Every structure is written in structure tokens, then in C-alpha cells.
Amino acid sequence: MEYGVKAITYASGCGATATILHTLKQGDHIVVCDDVYGGTQRYMRRFFSERHGMEPEFVDISVTENALKAVRKETKFVWIETPTNPTMKLIDIEAVSKGVKAINPDIKIIVDNTFGSPYITSPLLLGADVSLHSLTKYIGGHSDIVMGALIFKDEKFHN
């Protein structure tokens, strides 16, 4: 459904989020949409930043230029959530992906597609490297299951 080559499932969406974030190292920078899910934001601020020395920068990337201006040499990820939870901001995945990859093709575009779902959005076809889901929400029927997933566009990043 996501057009990826590999997928990994987790016991929760938070597990998927933590796993992808912990592929980074101290000093790495990540551009994050400013309206990201509260649990993701807290994890990034309290653990990712305070305990591991990585730097999330929260930016209104519903304006593509804001994402591009925030990119710097330490940037490893651009983290998109669209629509955002809870305010339903929309981000142009394709425009952000193209712009960021023009600056540095090694930066990975991570899209939390929980609210969009594969029914509405195909982030990997729009330039993202990873599509992330809290399967607990739409796909799993809102609490019928607790599960998460990462779907990868290519084998290299998956490994």
C-alpha cells in the first residue's frame, strides 16, 4: 500500500518513532514540522535532545521555504507530519522533498503518514524516504490494536 521495498513493524507508533530517531548520533540536526503530534514532540525534546545531544528544530514547514531555510550541514532528517495532529495543517511533501534533496540529497525525508494513511497519501511516491505509521489510529481502527510501522523507499536506508 505504501510502495516501499521493506517494512518493519513495532509494538507501537512510538516504538517506530524512537527507532528511526536513534539511527542518528550526537550533534545531528533534524528539521521537524512545528505541529507534530504531542507525543513525538515530547520524545524529541526530552530524550532525543536533552539526553542524546541531538537537535530538533521545530519549524512551520507548511511553508516550504521555511523548511529549506532551516537545513544546515548537520541536518540528517526533515520530519513531516501531514495532515498534522491535532490541527490538520497540510504540508506539500513533494515540494519539501525536492527542495531539501536539491540542497543535500543525503538528508532523509521522514513522513508520519498516520493521519493521511495510504488511502489518501503515498509519501514514498512524493519523494519521502520513510513513511511512518501509528497503526493504532486509522489503519488499526483506533485502539483495536497497538502497533507501529516504518516503510522504506530503498534497501540501503533500511539496512
C-alpha atoms as a PDB file:
ATOM      1  CA  MET A   1       0.000   0.000   0.000  1.00  0.00           C
ATOM      2  CA  GLU A   2       2.923   2.384   0.601  1.00  0.00           C
ATOM      3  CA  TYR A   3       5.031   1.372  -2.426  1.00  0.00           C
ATOM      4  CA  GLY A   4       8.087   0.662  -0.277  1.00  0.00           C
ATOM      5  CA  VAL A   5      10.648  -2.096  -0.587  1.00  0.00           C
ATOM      6  CA  LYS A   6      10.881  -3.007   3.105  1.00  0.00           C
ATOM      7  CA  ALA A   7       8.812  -2.522   6.235  1.00  0.00           C
ATOM      8  CA  ILE A   8       9.453  -3.043   9.921  1.00  0.00           C
ATOM      9  CA  THR A   9       6.595  -3.244  12.412  1.00  0.00           C
ATOM     10  CA  TYR A  10       6.725  -2.277  16.085  1.00  0.00           C
ATOM     11  CA  ALA A  11       4.666  -2.666  19.237  1.00  0.00           C
ATOM     12  CA  SER A  12       3.580   0.978  18.880  1.00  0.00           C
ATOM     13  CA  GLY A  13       3.919   4.084  16.763  1.00  0.00           C
ATOM     14  CA  CYS A  14       6.173   5.467  19.483  1.00  0.00           C
ATOM     15  CA  GLY A  15       8.431   2.432  19.033  1.00  0.00           C
ATOM     16  CA  ALA A  16       8.726   3.168  15.320  1.00  0.00           C
ATOM     17  CA  THR A  17       9.442   6.839  16.059  1.00  0.00           C
ATOM     18  CA  ALA A  18      12.117   6.061  18.649  1.00  0.00           C
ATOM     19  CA  THR A  19      13.817   3.544  16.378  1.00  0.00           C
ATOM     20  CA  ILE A  20      14.206   5.883  13.422  1.00  0.00           C
ATOM     21  CA  LEU A  21      15.397   8.739  15.662  1.00  0.00           C
ATOM     22  CA  HIS A  22      18.027   6.547  17.280  1.00  0.00           C
ATOM     23  CA  THR A  23      19.714   5.972  13.939  1.00  0.00           C
ATOM     24  CA  LEU A  24      21.132   9.478  14.437  1.00  0.00           C
ATOM     25  CA  LYS A  25      24.152  10.464  16.505  1.00  0.00           C
ATOM     26  CA  GLN A  26      25.091  13.229  18.895  1.00  0.00           C
ATOM     27  CA  GLY A  27      25.236  16.610  17.162  1.00  0.00           C
ATOM     28  CA  ASP A  28      22.852  15.656  14.355  1.00  0.00           C
ATOM     29  CA  HIS A  29      20.114  18.131  13.469  1.00  0.00           C
ATOM     30  CA  ILE A  30      16.551  17.420  12.395  1.00  0.00           C
ATOM     31  CA  VAL A  31      14.021  19.851  10.925  1.00  0.00           C
ATOM     32  CA  VAL A  32      10.583  18.989  12.324  1.00  0.00           C
ATOM     33  CA  CYS A  33       7.173  20.380  11.436  1.00  0.00           C
ATOM     34  CA  ASP A  34       6.109  22.632  14.287  1.00  0.00           C
ATOM     35  CA  ASP A  35       2.714  20.991  14.721  1.00  0.00           C
ATOM     36  CA  VAL A  36       3.959  17.424  15.073  1.00  0.00           C
ATOM     37  CA  TYR A  37       1.997  15.035  17.328  1.00  0.00           C
ATOM     38  CA  GLY A  38       2.499  15.934  21.008  1.00  0.00           C
ATOM     39  CA  GLY A  39       3.995  12.569  21.936  1.00  0.00           C
ATOM     40  CA  THR A  40       6.550  12.849  19.146  1.00  0.00           C
ATOM     41  CA  GLN A  41       7.422  16.405  20.140  1.00  0.00           C
ATOM     42  CA  ARG A  42       7.888  15.451  23.804  1.00  0.00           C
ATOM     43  CA  TYR A  43      10.066  12.491  22.869  1.00  0.00           C
ATOM     44  CA  MET A  44      12.216  14.671  20.631  1.00  0.00           C
ATOM     45  CA  ARG A  45      12.611  17.397  23.261  1.00  0.00           C
ATOM     46  CA  ARG A  46      13.105  15.238  26.366  1.00  0.00           C
ATOM     47  CA  PHE A  47      15.049  12.235  25.107  1.00  0.00           C
ATOM     48  CA  PHE A  48      16.332  12.964  21.645  1.00  0.00           C
ATOM     49  CA  SER A  49      17.606  16.418  22.541  1.00  0.00           C
ATOM     50  CA  GLU A  50      18.245  16.513  26.313  1.00  0.00           C
ATOM     51  CA  ARG A  51      19.620  13.000  26.801  1.00  0.00           C
ATOM     52  CA  HIS A  52      21.248  12.246  23.466  1.00  0.00           C
ATOM     53  CA  GLY A  53      22.543  15.634  22.315  1.00  0.00           C
ATOM     54  CA  MET A  54      20.704  15.731  19.016  1.00  0.00           C
ATOM     55  CA  GLU A  55      18.942  18.882  17.919  1.00  0.00           C
ATOM     56  CA  PRO A  56      15.339  19.023  16.724  1.00  0.00           C
ATOM     57  CA  GLU A  57      14.310  22.377  15.240  1.00  0.00           C
ATOM     58  CA  PHE A  58      10.556  22.920  15.078  1.00  0.00           C
ATOM     59  CA  VAL A  59       9.562  24.940  12.018  1.00  0.00           C
ATOM     60  CA  ASP A  60       6.310  25.755  10.230  1.00  0.00           C
ATOM     61  CA  ILE A  61       7.058  23.702   7.136  1.00  0.00           C
ATOM     62  CA  SER A  62       3.576  24.133   5.740  1.00  0.00           C
ATOM     63  CA  VAL A  63       5.526  26.960   4.072  1.00  0.00           C
ATOM     64  CA  THR A  64       8.129  25.025   2.065  1.00  0.00           C
ATOM     65  CA  GLU A  65      10.702  27.839   2.167  1.00  0.00           C
ATOM     66  CA  ASN A  66      10.801  27.634   5.978  1.00  0.00           C
ATOM     67  CA  ALA A  67      11.974  24.016   5.775  1.00  0.00           C
ATOM     68  CA  LEU A  68      14.649  24.880   3.233  1.00  0.00           C
ATOM     69  CA  LYS A  69      15.956  27.810   5.298  1.00  0.00           C
ATOM     70  CA  ALA A  70      16.271  25.574   8.378  1.00  0.00           C
ATOM     71  CA  VAL A  71      18.503  22.997   6.646  1.00  0.00           C
ATOM     72  CA  ARG A  72      22.164  23.136   7.633  1.00  0.00           C
ATOM     73  CA  LYS A  73      25.216  20.918   7.255  1.00  0.00           C
ATOM     74  CA  GLU A  74      24.327  18.884  10.404  1.00  0.00           C
ATOM     75  CA  THR A  75      20.777  18.191   9.177  1.00  0.00           C
ATOM     76  CA  LYS A  76      20.116  14.481   8.720  1.00  0.00           C
ATOM     77  CA  PHE A  77      16.285  14.336   8.658  1.00  0.00           C
ATOM     78  CA  VAL A  78      13.350  16.507   7.721  1.00  0.00           C
ATOM     79  CA  TRP A  79      10.349  15.217   9.691  1.00  0.00           C
ATOM     80  CA  ILE A  80       6.971  15.855   8.110  1.00  0.00           C
ATOM     81  CA  GLU A  81       3.573  15.035   9.523  1.00  0.00           C
ATOM     82  CA  THR A  82       0.672  15.761   7.216  1.00  0.00           C
ATOM     83  CA  PRO A  83      -2.044  16.328   7.993  1.00  0.00           C
ATOM     84  CA  THR A  84      -0.738  17.249  11.406  1.00  0.00           C
ATOM     85  CA  ASN A  85      -2.250  16.111  14.676  1.00  0.00           C
ATOM     86  CA  PRO A  86      -4.254  17.882  16.026  1.00  0.00           C
ATOM     87  CA  THR A  87      -4.656  20.996  13.849  1.00  0.00           C
ATOM     88  CA  MET A  88      -4.641  19.278  10.436  1.00  0.00           C
ATOM     89  CA  LYS A  89      -2.002  21.526   8.829  1.00  0.00           C
ATOM     90  CA  LEU A  90      -1.074  20.335   5.359  1.00  0.00           C
ATOM     91  CA  ILE A  91       2.492  20.105   4.079  1.00  0.00           C
ATOM     92  CA  ASP A  92       3.481  19.690   0.436  1.00  0.00           C
ATOM     93  CA  ILE A  93       5.578  16.530   0.727  1.00  0.00           C
ATOM     94  CA  GLU A  94       6.757  16.675  -2.873  1.00  0.00           C
ATOM     95  CA  ALA A  95       7.854  20.334  -2.734  1.00  0.00           C
ATOM     96  CA  VAL A  96       9.689  19.909   0.583  1.00  0.00           C
ATOM     97  CA  SER A  97      11.348  16.677  -0.604  1.00  0.00           C
ATOM     98  CA  LYS A  98      12.527  18.175  -3.904  1.00  0.00           C
ATOM     99  CA  GLY A  99      13.802  21.345  -2.238  1.00  0.00           C
ATOM    100  CA  VAL A 100      15.650  19.544   0.547  1.00  0.00           C
ATOM    101  CA  LYS A 101      17.174  16.945  -1.809  1.00  0.00           C
ATOM    102  CA  ALA A 102      18.412  19.793  -4.053  1.00  0.00           C
ATOM    103  CA  ILE A 103      20.292  21.188  -1.042  1.00  0.00           C
ATOM    104  CA  ASN A 104      21.610  17.822   0.150  1.00  0.00           C
ATOM    105  CA  PRO A 105      20.454  14.510  -1.357  1.00  0.00           C
ATOM    106  CA  ASP A 106      21.676  12.625   1.750  1.00  0.00           C
ATOM    107  CA  ILE A 107      19.066  14.207   4.034  1.00  0.00           C
ATOM    108  CA  LYS A 108      16.304  11.694   4.713  1.00  0.00           C
ATOM    109  CA  ILE A 109      12.677  12.784   4.471  1.00  0.00           C
ATOM    110  CA  ILE A 110      10.580  11.051   7.122  1.00  0.00           C
ATOM    111  CA  VAL A 111       6.796  11.373   6.821  1.00  0.00           C
ATOM    112  CA  ASP A 112       4.445  10.442   9.619  1.00  0.00           C
ATOM    113  CA  ASN A 113       1.558   9.279   7.467  1.00  0.00           C
ATOM    114  CA  THR A 114      -0.657   8.237  10.384  1.00  0.00           C
ATOM    115  CA  PHE A 115      -3.456  10.715   9.668  1.00  0.00           C
ATOM    116  CA  GLY A 116      -3.025  10.705   5.885  1.00  0.00           C
ATOM    117  CA  SER A 117      -2.931   6.907   5.691  1.00  0.00           C
ATOM    118  CA  PRO A 118      -2.045   5.061   2.482  1.00  0.00           C
ATOM    119  CA  TYR A 119      -5.650   5.550   1.396  1.00  0.00           C
ATOM    120  CA  ILE A 120      -5.057   9.285   0.917  1.00  0.00           C
ATOM    121  CA  THR A 121      -1.287   9.837   0.739  1.00  0.00           C
ATOM    122  CA  SER A 122       1.697   7.977  -0.718  1.00  0.00           C
ATOM    123  CA  PRO A 123       4.736   9.779   0.742  1.00  0.00           C
ATOM    124  CA  LEU A 124       7.306   7.479  -0.893  1.00  0.00           C
ATOM    125  CA  LEU A 125       5.927   8.339  -4.327  1.00  0.00           C
ATOM    126  CA  LEU A 126       6.228  12.037  -3.438  1.00  0.00           C
ATOM    127  CA  GLY A 127       9.938  11.897  -2.557  1.00  0.00           C
ATOM    128  CA  ALA A 128       9.988  10.738   1.068  1.00  0.00           C
ATOM    129  CA  ASP A 129      12.499   8.103   2.173  1.00  0.00           C
ATOM    130  CA  VAL A 130      10.419   6.649   5.004  1.00  0.00           C
ATOM    131  CA  SER A 131       6.718   6.531   5.760  1.00  0.00           C
ATOM    132  CA  LEU A 132       5.918   6.095   9.448  1.00  0.00           C
ATOM    133  CA  HIS A 133       2.625   4.970  10.956  1.00  0.00           C
ATOM    134  CA  SER A 134       0.995   4.627  14.289  1.00  0.00           C
ATOM    135  CA  LEU A 135      -1.145   1.740  13.108  1.00  0.00           C
ATOM    136  CA  THR A 136      -3.205   2.188  16.270  1.00  0.00           C
ATOM    137  CA  LYS A 137      -5.074   5.051  14.602  1.00  0.00           C
ATOM    138  CA  TYR A 138      -6.829   4.833  11.226  1.00  0.00           C
ATOM    139  CA  ILE A 139      -5.319   1.638   9.859  1.00  0.00           C
ATOM    140  CA  GLY A 140      -5.960  -0.339  13.042  1.00  0.00           C
ATOM    141  CA  GLY A 141      -9.345   1.117  13.877  1.00  0.00           C
ATOM    142  CA  HIS A 142      -8.427   3.478  16.742  1.00  0.00           C
ATOM    143  CA  SER A 143      -7.336   1.184  19.585  1.00  0.00           C
ATOM    144  CA  ASP A 144      -8.365  -2.175  18.161  1.00  0.00           C
ATOM    145  CA  ILE A 145      -4.608  -2.811  18.017  1.00  0.00           C
ATOM    146  CA  VAL A 146      -1.497  -1.014  19.238  1.00  0.00           C
ATOM    147  CA  MET A 147       1.203  -1.120  16.581  1.00  0.00           C
ATOM    148  CA  GLY A 148       3.590   0.995  14.515  1.00  0.00           C
ATOM    149  CA  ALA A 149       5.445   0.675  11.219  1.00  0.00           C
ATOM    150  CA  LEU A 150       8.289   2.118   9.187  1.00  0.00           C
ATOM    151  CA  ILE A 151       8.143   1.639   5.421  1.00  0.00           C
ATOM    152  CA  PHE A 152      11.325   2.302   3.455  1.00  0.00           C
ATOM    153  CA  LYS A 153      11.709   3.522  -0.119  1.00  0.00           C
ATOM    154  CA  ASP A 154      15.018   1.730  -0.611  1.00  0.00           C
ATOM    155  CA  GLU A 155      17.014  -1.133   0.835  1.00  0.00           C
ATOM    156  CA  LYS A 156      20.096   0.955   1.608  1.00  0.00           C
ATOM    157  CA  PHE A 157      18.452   3.064   4.329  1.00  0.00           C
ATOM    158  CA  HIS A 158      16.533   0.066   5.657  1.00  0.00           C
ATOM    159  CA  ASN A 159      19.773  -1.792   6.354  1.00  0.00           C
END
